Amino acid sequence: MKIAIAADHGGYKLKETIKEYLEIRGDEVLDLGTDSEESVDYPAFGKACGEAVASGKAERGIVCCGTGIGISIAANKVKGIRCALCTDTHMAEMSRKHNDSNVLALGGRTTENKKALDIVAAWLNTDFEGGRHQRRVDMLDSM
């Protein structure tokens, strides 16, 4: 799977950990930055990841900032993006099953690496159920 990944300075270290994990899994990673812990503005990185997914350059995306909140808001500004901020594996699974989330947001300062990797794995390994949920996803996409 081709996965776009982006972070601000607060999510940089977690982005690097996730990137290594994805490469070990055999996923193709499109790293959209940032490349250090030097202060940057999260909206630019959330937008870049969202645009990569919306345009088809990547199948899914993962974004990280300090809490995951700001960068998830930024990603969700891109038409066609359903970014879910998940703090555990159940949320990650449900975001895929019921909401067909195509971008995952995580907090680099709020989620330890092991837990983050468990969340990423659950999110990547869960399919959208469709059915009764499709109508709601279609409503989201038309907003």
C-alpha atoms as a PDB file:
ATOM      1  CA  MET A   1       0.000   0.000   0.000  1.00  0.00           C
ATOM      2  CA  LYS A   2       1.242   3.532  -0.707  1.00  0.00           C
ATOM      3  CA  ILE A   3       0.909   5.698   2.390  1.00  0.00           C
ATOM      4  CA  ALA A   4       1.549   9.433   2.638  1.00  0.00           C
ATOM      5  CA  ILE A   5       2.918  10.564   5.987  1.00  0.00           C
ATOM      6  CA  ALA A   6       3.426  14.066   7.342  1.00  0.00           C
ATOM      7  CA  ALA A   7       4.056  15.770  10.663  1.00  0.00           C
ATOM      8  CA  ASP A   8       4.937  19.033  12.274  1.00  0.00           C
ATOM      9  CA  HIS A   9       7.773  19.388  14.792  1.00  0.00           C
ATOM     10  CA  GLY A  10       5.634  17.951  17.617  1.00  0.00           C
ATOM     11  CA  GLY A  11       4.950  14.796  15.641  1.00  0.00           C
ATOM     12  CA  TYR A  12       8.309  14.466  13.886  1.00  0.00           C
ATOM     13  CA  LYS A  13       9.784  11.696  16.076  1.00  0.00           C
ATOM     14  CA  LEU A  14       6.582   9.644  15.938  1.00  0.00           C
ATOM     15  CA  LYS A  15       6.404  10.119  12.155  1.00  0.00           C
ATOM     16  CA  GLU A  16       9.906   8.699  11.827  1.00  0.00           C
ATOM     17  CA  THR A  17       8.995   5.692  13.996  1.00  0.00           C
ATOM     18  CA  ILE A  18       5.843   5.025  11.964  1.00  0.00           C
ATOM     19  CA  LYS A  19       7.714   5.488   8.688  1.00  0.00           C
ATOM     20  CA  GLU A  20      10.262   2.825   9.698  1.00  0.00           C
ATOM     21  CA  TYR A  21       7.431   0.471  10.703  1.00  0.00           C
ATOM     22  CA  LEU A  22       5.628   0.971   7.384  1.00  0.00           C
ATOM     23  CA  GLU A  23       8.798   0.317   5.400  1.00  0.00           C
ATOM     24  CA  ILE A  24       9.410  -2.911   7.353  1.00  0.00           C
ATOM     25  CA  ARG A  25       5.820  -3.954   6.544  1.00  0.00           C
ATOM     26  CA  GLY A  26       6.620  -3.423   2.881  1.00  0.00           C
ATOM     27  CA  ASP A  27       4.454  -0.358   2.352  1.00  0.00           C
ATOM     28  CA  GLU A  28       5.590   2.407   0.020  1.00  0.00           C
ATOM     29  CA  VAL A  29       5.939   5.612   2.047  1.00  0.00           C
ATOM     30  CA  LEU A  30       5.520   9.107   0.641  1.00  0.00           C
ATOM     31  CA  ASP A  31       7.195  11.277   3.309  1.00  0.00           C
ATOM     32  CA  LEU A  32       5.875  14.840   3.051  1.00  0.00           C
ATOM     33  CA  GLY A  33       7.934  16.184   5.964  1.00  0.00           C
ATOM     34  CA  THR A  34       8.793  17.809   8.231  1.00  0.00           C
ATOM     35  CA  ASP A  35      12.391  16.706   8.501  1.00  0.00           C
ATOM     36  CA  SER A  36      13.332  17.880  11.995  1.00  0.00           C
ATOM     37  CA  GLU A  37      12.029  19.110  15.334  1.00  0.00           C
ATOM     38  CA  GLU A  38      12.443  22.733  14.213  1.00  0.00           C
ATOM     39  CA  SER A  39       9.166  24.615  14.618  1.00  0.00           C
ATOM     40  CA  VAL A  40       6.878  24.542  11.560  1.00  0.00           C
ATOM     41  CA  ASP A  41       3.181  25.153  10.944  1.00  0.00           C
ATOM     42  CA  TYR A  42       1.048  21.997  11.083  1.00  0.00           C
ATOM     43  CA  PRO A  43      -1.663  23.196   8.630  1.00  0.00           C
ATOM     44  CA  ALA A  44       0.730  22.977   5.681  1.00  0.00           C
ATOM     45  CA  PHE A  45       1.616  19.368   6.496  1.00  0.00           C
ATOM     46  CA  GLY A  46      -1.958  18.262   7.152  1.00  0.00           C
ATOM     47  CA  LYS A  47      -3.015  19.813   3.857  1.00  0.00           C
ATOM     48  CA  ALA A  48      -0.144  18.184   1.939  1.00  0.00           C
ATOM     49  CA  CYS A  49      -1.033  14.734   3.246  1.00  0.00           C
ATOM     50  CA  GLY A  50      -4.726  15.246   2.599  1.00  0.00           C
ATOM     51  CA  GLU A  51      -4.048  16.389  -0.954  1.00  0.00           C
ATOM     52  CA  ALA A  52      -1.801  13.379  -1.617  1.00  0.00           C
ATOM     53  CA  VAL A  53      -4.609  11.020  -0.593  1.00  0.00           C
ATOM     54  CA  ALA A  54      -7.400  12.977  -2.292  1.00  0.00           C
ATOM     55  CA  SER A  55      -5.465  13.119  -5.569  1.00  0.00           C
ATOM     56  CA  GLY A  56      -4.645   9.402  -5.537  1.00  0.00           C
ATOM     57  CA  LYS A  57      -0.885   9.844  -5.063  1.00  0.00           C
ATOM     58  CA  ALA A  58      -1.342   7.721  -1.933  1.00  0.00           C
ATOM     59  CA  GLU A  59      -4.020   5.241  -0.890  1.00  0.00           C
ATOM     60  CA  ARG A  60      -4.046   6.431   2.709  1.00  0.00           C
ATOM     61  CA  GLY A  61      -2.311   8.973   4.901  1.00  0.00           C
ATOM     62  CA  ILE A  62      -0.995   9.348   8.427  1.00  0.00           C
ATOM     63  CA  VAL A  63      -0.459  12.726  10.084  1.00  0.00           C
ATOM     64  CA  CYS A  64       1.126  13.606  13.426  1.00  0.00           C
ATOM     65  CA  CYS A  65       1.441  16.743  15.504  1.00  0.00           C
ATOM     66  CA  GLY A  66       1.780  17.264  19.249  1.00  0.00           C
ATOM     67  CA  THR A  67      -1.758  16.100  20.061  1.00  0.00           C
ATOM     68  CA  GLY A  68      -3.001  15.153  16.591  1.00  0.00           C
ATOM     69  CA  ILE A  69      -5.824  17.673  16.899  1.00  0.00           C
ATOM     70  CA  GLY A  70      -4.569  20.562  14.773  1.00  0.00           C
ATOM     71  CA  ILE A  71      -3.167  18.461  11.965  1.00  0.00           C
ATOM     72  CA  SER A  72      -6.370  16.379  11.801  1.00  0.00           C
ATOM     73  CA  ILE A  73      -8.397  19.557  11.407  1.00  0.00           C
ATOM     74  CA  ALA A  74      -6.063  20.686   8.631  1.00  0.00           C
ATOM     75  CA  ALA A  75      -6.276  17.358   6.790  1.00  0.00           C
ATOM     76  CA  ASN A  76     -10.068  17.378   7.039  1.00  0.00           C
ATOM     77  CA  LYS A  77     -10.211  20.708   5.197  1.00  0.00           C
ATOM     78  CA  VAL A  78      -9.250  18.825   2.005  1.00  0.00           C
ATOM     79  CA  LYS A  79     -12.303  17.648   0.056  1.00  0.00           C
ATOM     80  CA  GLY A  80     -12.630  13.872   0.172  1.00  0.00           C
ATOM     81  CA  ILE A  81     -10.570  13.416   3.301  1.00  0.00           C
ATOM     82  CA  ARG A  82     -11.963  11.641   6.329  1.00  0.00           C
ATOM     83  CA  CYS A  83      -9.203  12.044   8.898  1.00  0.00           C
ATOM     84  CA  ALA A  84      -9.703  10.352  12.260  1.00  0.00           C
ATOM     85  CA  LEU A  85      -7.734  11.193  15.391  1.00  0.00           C
ATOM     86  CA  CYS A  86      -7.441   7.856  17.177  1.00  0.00           C
ATOM     87  CA  THR A  87      -6.097   7.232  20.659  1.00  0.00           C
ATOM     88  CA  ASP A  88      -6.574   3.459  20.777  1.00  0.00           C
ATOM     89  CA  THR A  89      -6.979   0.460  18.490  1.00  0.00           C
ATOM     90  CA  HIS A  90     -10.761   0.288  18.901  1.00  0.00           C
ATOM     91  CA  MET A  91     -11.137   3.857  17.626  1.00  0.00           C
ATOM     92  CA  ALA A  92      -8.832   3.058  14.707  1.00  0.00           C
ATOM     93  CA  GLU A  93     -10.838  -0.021  13.760  1.00  0.00           C
ATOM     94  CA  MET A  94     -14.180   1.774  14.043  1.00  0.00           C
ATOM     95  CA  SER A  95     -12.907   4.750  12.034  1.00  0.00           C
ATOM     96  CA  ARG A  96     -12.223   2.333   9.198  1.00  0.00           C
ATOM     97  CA  LYS A  97     -15.258   0.024   9.591  1.00  0.00           C
ATOM     98  CA  HIS A  98     -17.906   2.718   9.934  1.00  0.00           C
ATOM     99  CA  ASN A  99     -16.355   5.920   8.571  1.00  0.00           C
ATOM    100  CA  ASP A 100     -13.942   4.666   5.905  1.00  0.00           C
ATOM    101  CA  SER A 101     -11.278   6.996   7.286  1.00  0.00           C
ATOM    102  CA  ASN A 102      -8.525   7.541   4.767  1.00  0.00           C
ATOM    103  CA  VAL A 103      -6.163   9.551   6.965  1.00  0.00           C
ATOM    104  CA  LEU A 104      -5.135   8.644  10.521  1.00  0.00           C
ATOM    105  CA  ALA A 105      -4.028  11.329  12.978  1.00  0.00           C
ATOM    106  CA  LEU A 106      -1.864  10.660  16.026  1.00  0.00           C
ATOM    107  CA  GLY A 107      -0.352  12.794  18.767  1.00  0.00           C
ATOM    108  CA  GLY A 108       3.419  12.666  19.023  1.00  0.00           C
ATOM    109  CA  ARG A 109       3.385  14.096  22.543  1.00  0.00           C
ATOM    110  CA  THR A 110       0.375  12.117  23.746  1.00  0.00           C
ATOM    111  CA  THR A 111       0.867   8.625  22.290  1.00  0.00           C
ATOM    112  CA  GLU A 112       3.849   6.436  23.104  1.00  0.00           C
ATOM    113  CA  ASN A 113       5.508   4.656  20.186  1.00  0.00           C
ATOM    114  CA  LYS A 114       4.341   1.082  20.916  1.00  0.00           C
ATOM    115  CA  LYS A 115       0.730   2.162  21.300  1.00  0.00           C
ATOM    116  CA  ALA A 116       0.946   4.300  18.164  1.00  0.00           C
ATOM    117  CA  LEU A 117       2.238   1.356  16.134  1.00  0.00           C
ATOM    118  CA  ASP A 118      -0.591  -0.834  17.456  1.00  0.00           C
ATOM    119  CA  ILE A 119      -3.075   1.860  16.377  1.00  0.00           C
ATOM    120  CA  VAL A 120      -1.472   2.120  12.925  1.00  0.00           C
ATOM    121  CA  ALA A 121      -1.584  -1.665  12.492  1.00  0.00           C
ATOM    122  CA  ALA A 122      -5.241  -1.859  13.515  1.00  0.00           C
ATOM    123  CA  TRP A 123      -6.120   0.999  11.157  1.00  0.00           C
ATOM    124  CA  LEU A 124      -4.252  -0.455   8.192  1.00  0.00           C
ATOM    125  CA  ASN A 125      -5.619  -3.956   8.724  1.00  0.00           C
ATOM    126  CA  THR A 126      -9.285  -2.976   9.013  1.00  0.00           C
ATOM    127  CA  ASP A 127     -11.588  -2.676   6.008  1.00  0.00           C
ATOM    128  CA  PHE A 128     -14.623  -0.461   5.536  1.00  0.00           C
ATOM    129  CA  GLU A 129     -17.834  -2.418   6.131  1.00  0.00           C
ATOM    130  CA  GLY A 130     -19.891  -0.425   3.640  1.00  0.00           C
ATOM    131  CA  GLY A 131     -23.565  -1.362   3.807  1.00  0.00           C
ATOM    132  CA  ARG A 132     -25.558   0.987   6.014  1.00  0.00           C
ATOM    133  CA  HIS A 133     -22.422   3.048   6.658  1.00  0.00           C
ATOM    134  CA  GLN A 134     -21.907   3.916   2.984  1.00  0.00           C
ATOM    135  CA  ARG A 135     -24.826   6.362   2.963  1.00  0.00           C
ATOM    136  CA  ARG A 136     -23.303   8.299   5.835  1.00  0.00           C
ATOM    137  CA  VAL A 137     -19.850   8.371   4.262  1.00  0.00           C
ATOM    138  CA  ASP A 138     -21.452   9.626   1.040  1.00  0.00           C
ATOM    139  CA  MET A 139     -23.146  12.384   3.062  1.00  0.00           C
ATOM    140  CA  LEU A 140     -19.795  13.391   4.560  1.00  0.00           C
ATOM    141  CA  ASP A 141     -18.161  13.482   1.146  1.00  0.00           C
ATOM    142  CA  SER A 142     -20.909  15.704  -0.276  1.00  0.00           C
ATOM    143  CA  MET A 143     -20.606  18.327   2.490  1.00  0.00           C
END
